[in-house]
Amino acid sequence: MQKTMKLIYVIMVLSIAMAASPAFARSYRFEMYANSSDVILGLESEAPIEEAVLNIGGGFIFSGEDYTIGDLHFALKSEAFMPAMTLGLGLKGVLGTAEDGNDDYDLAGLGFVVLGEYDFRKVYYNFPLVVQSDIAFAPNPMTSGDTDDYTEFNLRLKGYIVQSAALILGYKKIVVNFDKGSDDYKLSDNMIYFGFEFAF
């Protein structure tokens, strides 16, 4: 299973490298969020593929001395039910470490992602607001190291001050169950953050 996960990670890295090519990608987004104890960085690219959009990206979460998580993700998304609504499915790989007192835990997993977006700009021309949400889950057979399972939920409210820049208010919940022999640990974190996004 670990060899399979490493292969998938390599494929995801190569996909991101392909997306960095001007001939492939059509747009990029850089994100930076923070609160009193956490910093979140992300970079994504999107390219149209027939009737869908390929979203590829990666990011990091730095949470003081508690944990650090890096991720790579990709998804296919398209309009659903109405022009303002977008739904998508994909995969998300996570890799990092967590600490609980004097104990260190290795975090690694590959999870399924379901995402959704509602763009009010497509309904009300002068209402520059976008709501995004996604959930990722990596069950036990798709984790390695000390990780039993991994769950992440995100909700973001984007207010566009200009066409290519937005202020963001977001909520993130992360739950990770670790099993290290006789030492079990559950990481559960809720965070509210504020930040910005640039598109180019």
Protein backbone atom coordinates (compact mmCIF):
# COMPACT_ATOMS: atom_id res chain seq x y z
CA MET A 1 0.00 0.00 0.00
CA GLN A 2 2.84 2.41 0.80
CA LYS A 3 4.38 1.83 -2.64
CA THR A 4 1.02 2.54 -4.26
CA MET A 5 0.62 5.77 -2.31
CA LYS A 6 4.14 6.89 -3.24
CA LEU A 7 3.34 6.24 -6.90
CA ILE A 8 0.14 8.26 -6.65
CA TYR A 9 2.03 11.12 -4.96
CA VAL A 10 4.56 11.09 -7.82
CA ILE A 11 1.74 11.21 -10.37
CA MET A 12 0.15 14.13 -8.55
CA VAL A 13 3.46 16.02 -8.44
CA LEU A 14 3.95 15.46 -12.16
CA SER A 15 0.39 16.65 -12.79
CA ILE A 16 1.11 19.87 -10.91
CA ALA A 17 4.32 20.32 -12.91
CA MET A 18 2.31 19.91 -16.11
CA ALA A 19 -0.21 22.43 -14.87
CA ALA A 20 2.59 24.95 -14.41
CA SER A 21 3.13 24.94 -18.17
CA PRO A 22 1.60 28.00 -19.88
CA ALA A 23 0.40 25.72 -22.67
CA PHE A 24 -1.69 23.71 -20.22
CA ALA A 25 -2.95 25.98 -17.48
CA ARG A 26 -5.34 28.84 -18.04
CA SER A 27 -5.37 30.45 -14.61
CA TYR A 28 -3.58 30.37 -11.26
CA ARG A 29 -4.57 31.28 -7.72
CA PHE A 30 -2.35 32.08 -4.76
CA GLU A 31 -3.94 31.94 -1.30
CA MET A 32 -2.70 33.00 2.11
CA TYR A 33 -4.77 32.74 5.30
CA ALA A 34 -3.92 33.19 8.96
CA ASN A 35 -5.24 33.52 12.49
CA SER A 36 -3.57 33.86 15.88
CA SER A 37 -1.90 30.42 15.71
CA ASP A 38 -2.17 29.08 12.14
CA VAL A 39 -0.84 29.99 8.70
CA ILE A 40 -2.23 28.44 5.50
CA LEU A 41 -0.62 28.79 2.07
CA GLY A 42 -1.93 27.44 -1.22
CA LEU A 43 -1.36 27.55 -4.97
CA GLU A 44 -3.81 26.21 -7.55
CA SER A 45 -4.16 26.13 -11.31
CA GLU A 46 -7.24 25.48 -13.42
CA ALA A 47 -7.60 24.47 -17.06
CA PRO A 48 -10.70 23.67 -19.12
CA ILE A 49 -10.99 20.09 -20.36
CA GLU A 50 -13.94 19.63 -22.73
CA GLU A 51 -17.02 20.35 -20.56
CA ALA A 52 -15.16 20.24 -17.23
CA VAL A 53 -12.41 22.13 -15.41
CA LEU A 54 -9.28 20.42 -14.07
CA ASN A 55 -8.22 21.86 -10.72
CA ILE A 56 -4.69 21.02 -9.50
CA GLY A 57 -2.90 22.46 -6.50
CA GLY A 58 -1.09 22.11 -3.24
CA GLY A 59 -0.63 23.84 0.07
CA PHE A 60 0.71 23.87 3.60
CA ILE A 61 -0.81 24.31 7.05
CA PHE A 62 1.48 25.48 9.84
CA SER A 63 -0.13 25.24 13.28
CA GLY A 64 2.49 26.33 15.78
CA GLU A 65 4.15 23.35 17.43
CA ASP A 66 1.03 21.16 17.16
CA TYR A 67 1.20 19.98 13.55
CA THR A 68 2.34 20.73 10.01
CA ILE A 69 0.53 19.34 6.97
CA GLY A 70 1.34 19.57 3.28
CA ASP A 71 -1.10 18.50 0.60
CA LEU A 72 -1.41 17.88 -3.12
CA HIS A 73 -4.83 17.67 -4.71
CA PHE A 74 -6.61 17.50 -8.02
CA ALA A 75 -10.27 17.41 -9.00
CA LEU A 76 -12.57 17.62 -11.99
CA LYS A 77 -15.46 20.02 -11.61
CA SER A 78 -18.27 21.37 -13.76
CA GLU A 79 -21.54 23.27 -13.58
CA ALA A 80 -24.42 21.39 -11.96
CA PHE A 81 -28.15 22.17 -11.94
CA MET A 82 -27.56 25.89 -12.62
CA PRO A 83 -24.78 28.13 -14.02
CA ALA A 84 -23.87 29.52 -10.59
CA MET A 85 -23.31 26.10 -8.98
CA THR A 86 -20.22 23.97 -9.49
CA LEU A 87 -19.62 20.46 -8.13
CA GLY A 88 -16.49 18.34 -8.31
CA LEU A 89 -14.75 15.12 -7.30
CA GLY A 90 -11.07 14.39 -6.82
CA LEU A 91 -8.22 13.11 -4.67
CA LYS A 92 -6.13 14.74 -1.97
CA GLY A 93 -2.82 13.50 -0.63
CA VAL A 94 -1.62 14.73 2.77
CA LEU A 95 1.78 14.39 4.42
CA GLY A 96 2.97 15.87 7.70
CA THR A 97 3.71 15.49 11.38
CA ALA A 98 1.85 16.10 14.63
CA GLU A 99 2.98 16.46 18.23
CA ASP A 100 1.28 15.61 21.50
CA GLY A 101 3.52 16.44 24.42
CA ASN A 102 6.74 14.51 23.89
CA ASP A 103 5.22 12.19 21.29
CA ASP A 104 5.60 12.69 17.53
CA TYR A 105 3.26 11.19 14.94
CA ASP A 106 3.70 10.73 11.19
CA LEU A 107 0.72 11.81 9.11
CA ALA A 108 0.19 10.42 5.61
CA GLY A 109 -2.89 9.59 3.60
CA LEU A 110 -4.69 9.74 0.29
CA GLY A 111 -8.32 10.79 0.49
CA PHE A 112 -11.38 11.34 -1.65
CA VAL A 113 -12.54 14.93 -2.12
CA VAL A 114 -16.03 16.29 -2.79
CA LEU A 115 -16.29 20.01 -3.46
CA GLY A 116 -18.93 22.58 -4.26
CA GLU A 117 -19.11 26.25 -5.15
CA TYR A 118 -21.85 28.85 -5.59
CA ASP A 119 -20.89 32.00 -7.48
CA PHE A 120 -23.33 34.82 -6.76
CA ARG A 121 -21.68 36.90 -9.49
CA LYS A 122 -23.36 34.70 -12.10
CA VAL A 123 -26.78 35.46 -10.62
CA TYR A 124 -26.47 39.03 -9.35
CA TYR A 125 -24.07 41.06 -11.48
CA ASN A 126 -23.07 43.51 -8.73
CA PHE A 127 -22.84 40.96 -5.90
CA PRO A 128 -19.15 39.87 -5.86
CA LEU A 129 -19.50 36.92 -3.48
CA VAL A 130 -18.50 33.26 -3.85
CA VAL A 131 -19.16 30.45 -1.34
CA GLN A 132 -16.94 27.36 -1.50
CA SER A 133 -16.93 24.14 0.49
CA ASP A 134 -15.08 20.84 0.32
CA ILE A 135 -14.59 17.72 2.39
CA ALA A 136 -11.75 15.18 2.18
CA PHE A 137 -11.64 11.77 3.84
CA ALA A 138 -8.81 9.22 3.85
CA PRO A 139 -9.94 5.91 5.42
CA ASN A 140 -7.58 3.46 7.10
CA PRO A 141 -6.70 1.43 3.98
CA MET A 142 -5.51 4.65 2.29
CA THR A 143 -3.28 5.94 5.11
CA SER A 144 0.21 5.01 6.25
CA GLY A 145 2.66 5.68 9.06
CA ASP A 146 0.92 6.35 12.36
CA THR A 147 -2.28 7.58 10.70
CA ASP A 148 -5.53 5.65 11.10
CA ASP A 149 -7.77 8.05 9.17
CA TYR A 150 -7.88 11.70 8.10
CA THR A 151 -10.86 14.04 7.69
CA GLU A 152 -10.81 17.68 6.60
CA PHE A 153 -13.71 20.10 6.03
CA ASN A 154 -13.45 23.61 4.59
CA LEU A 155 -15.93 26.44 4.16
CA ARG A 156 -14.87 29.73 2.56
CA LEU A 157 -16.63 33.01 1.86
CA LYS A 158 -14.88 35.08 -0.82
CA GLY A 159 -15.58 38.76 -1.34
CA TYR A 160 -14.03 40.09 -4.55
CA ILE A 161 -12.73 43.63 -4.20
CA VAL A 162 -11.52 43.54 -7.83
CA GLN A 163 -11.91 40.86 -10.50
CA SER A 164 -8.65 39.08 -9.65
CA ALA A 165 -8.38 39.60 -5.88
CA ALA A 166 -10.60 38.55 -3.00
CA LEU A 167 -10.74 38.82 0.77
CA ILE A 168 -11.61 35.50 2.39
CA LEU A 169 -13.23 34.45 5.65
CA GLY A 170 -12.96 30.73 6.22
CA TYR A 171 -13.52 27.82 8.58
CA LYS A 172 -11.48 24.60 8.63
CA LYS A 173 -11.90 21.45 10.70
CA ILE A 174 -9.27 18.72 10.77
CA VAL A 175 -9.66 15.38 12.55
CA VAL A 176 -6.86 12.79 12.48
CA ASN A 177 -6.81 9.52 14.40
CA PHE A 178 -3.34 8.16 15.10
CA ASP A 179 -2.40 4.64 16.16
CA LYS A 180 1.21 4.20 17.28
CA GLY A 181 1.31 0.82 18.91
CA SER A 182 -0.24 1.21 22.35
CA ASP A 183 -0.19 5.00 22.00
CA ASP A 184 -3.40 6.34 20.41
CA TYR A 185 -3.95 10.04 19.78
CA LYS A 186 -6.76 12.04 18.21
CA LEU A 187 -5.92 15.39 16.65
CA SER A 188 -8.99 17.60 16.36
CA ASP A 189 -8.66 21.23 15.35
CA ASN A 190 -11.22 23.89 14.47
CA MET A 191 -9.97 27.16 13.02
CA ILE A 192 -11.49 30.36 11.73
CA TYR A 193 -9.15 32.33 9.51
CA PHE A 194 -8.94 35.44 7.39
CA GLY A 195 -6.86 36.02 4.29
CA PHE A 196 -6.68 36.88 0.63
CA GLU A 197 -6.52 35.31 -2.81
CA PHE A 198 -4.87 36.56 -5.99
CA ALA A 199 -5.71 35.20 -9.43
CA PHE A 200 -3.32 35.57 -12.36
